[in-house]
């Protein structure tokens, strides 16, 4: 059961940061390929580094606002 919870947490981190990165890519006017690479890279990094990366990315988006 704990493995399932850990797997779901990693998946949700990937999806949430992918969504945030996708919004940043569209807002920043990136091309399709650069935006896709950016979204996947941010999703993978957030899945590996966890909540610290997610909080840092969200504060970066607030700073760039």
Protein backbone atom coordinates (compact mmCIF):
# COMPACT_ATOMS: atom_id res chain seq x y z
CA UNK A 1 0.00 0.00 0.00
CA UNK A 2 2.84 2.39 0.78
CA UNK A 3 4.36 1.75 -2.64
CA UNK A 4 1.10 2.74 -4.29
CA UNK A 5 0.95 6.00 -2.33
CA UNK A 6 4.55 6.83 -3.20
CA UNK A 7 3.93 6.08 -6.87
CA UNK A 8 0.81 8.26 -6.92
CA UNK A 9 2.70 11.11 -5.23
CA UNK A 10 5.43 10.97 -7.90
CA UNK A 11 2.85 10.87 -10.68
CA UNK A 12 0.89 13.79 -9.24
CA UNK A 13 4.07 15.85 -8.85
CA UNK A 14 4.97 15.15 -12.49
CA UNK A 15 1.50 16.14 -13.71
CA UNK A 16 1.17 19.25 -11.56
CA UNK A 17 4.57 20.64 -12.45
CA UNK A 18 4.01 19.67 -16.09
CA UNK A 19 0.82 21.69 -16.03
CA UNK A 20 2.56 24.68 -14.44
CA UNK A 21 5.45 24.44 -16.89
CA UNK A 22 3.01 24.18 -19.80
CA UNK A 23 1.29 27.35 -18.67
CA UNK A 24 4.65 29.09 -18.36
CA UNK A 25 5.68 27.88 -21.83
CA UNK A 26 2.47 29.17 -23.42
CA UNK A 27 2.68 32.44 -21.49
CA UNK A 28 6.34 32.85 -22.47
CA UNK A 29 5.62 32.26 -26.15
CA UNK A 30 7.93 29.26 -26.57
CA UNK A 31 7.89 27.28 -29.77
CA UNK A 32 6.19 23.88 -29.70
CA UNK A 33 9.37 21.78 -29.48
CA UNK A 34 11.06 24.01 -26.89
CA UNK A 35 7.87 24.10 -24.83
CA UNK A 36 7.51 20.32 -24.95
CA UNK A 37 11.13 19.80 -23.88
CA UNK A 38 10.68 22.36 -21.09
CA UNK A 39 7.48 20.71 -19.81
CA UNK A 40 8.96 17.20 -19.79
CA UNK A 41 12.20 18.38 -18.16
CA UNK A 42 10.36 20.24 -15.41
CA UNK A 43 8.06 17.25 -14.86
CA UNK A 44 10.95 14.81 -14.52
CA UNK A 45 12.93 17.08 -12.22
CA UNK A 46 9.90 17.63 -10.00
CA UNK A 47 9.24 13.88 -9.83
CA UNK A 48 12.85 13.29 -8.75
CA UNK A 49 13.41 16.25 -6.39
CA UNK A 50 9.90 16.37 -5.00
CA UNK A 51 8.08 19.12 -3.22
CA UNK A 52 11.09 21.40 -2.80
CA UNK A 53 11.32 21.85 -6.55
CA UNK A 54 7.57 22.39 -6.83
CA UNK A 55 7.61 25.15 -4.20
CA UNK A 56 10.67 26.75 -5.77
CA UNK A 57 9.12 26.69 -9.25
CA UNK A 58 5.89 28.24 -7.97
CA UNK A 59 7.78 31.02 -6.17
CA UNK A 60 9.79 31.63 -9.37
CA UNK A 61 6.56 32.01 -11.34
CA UNK A 62 5.27 34.49 -8.74
CA UNK A 63 8.56 36.42 -8.94
CA UNK A 64 8.42 36.57 -12.77
CA UNK A 65 4.81 37.76 -12.71
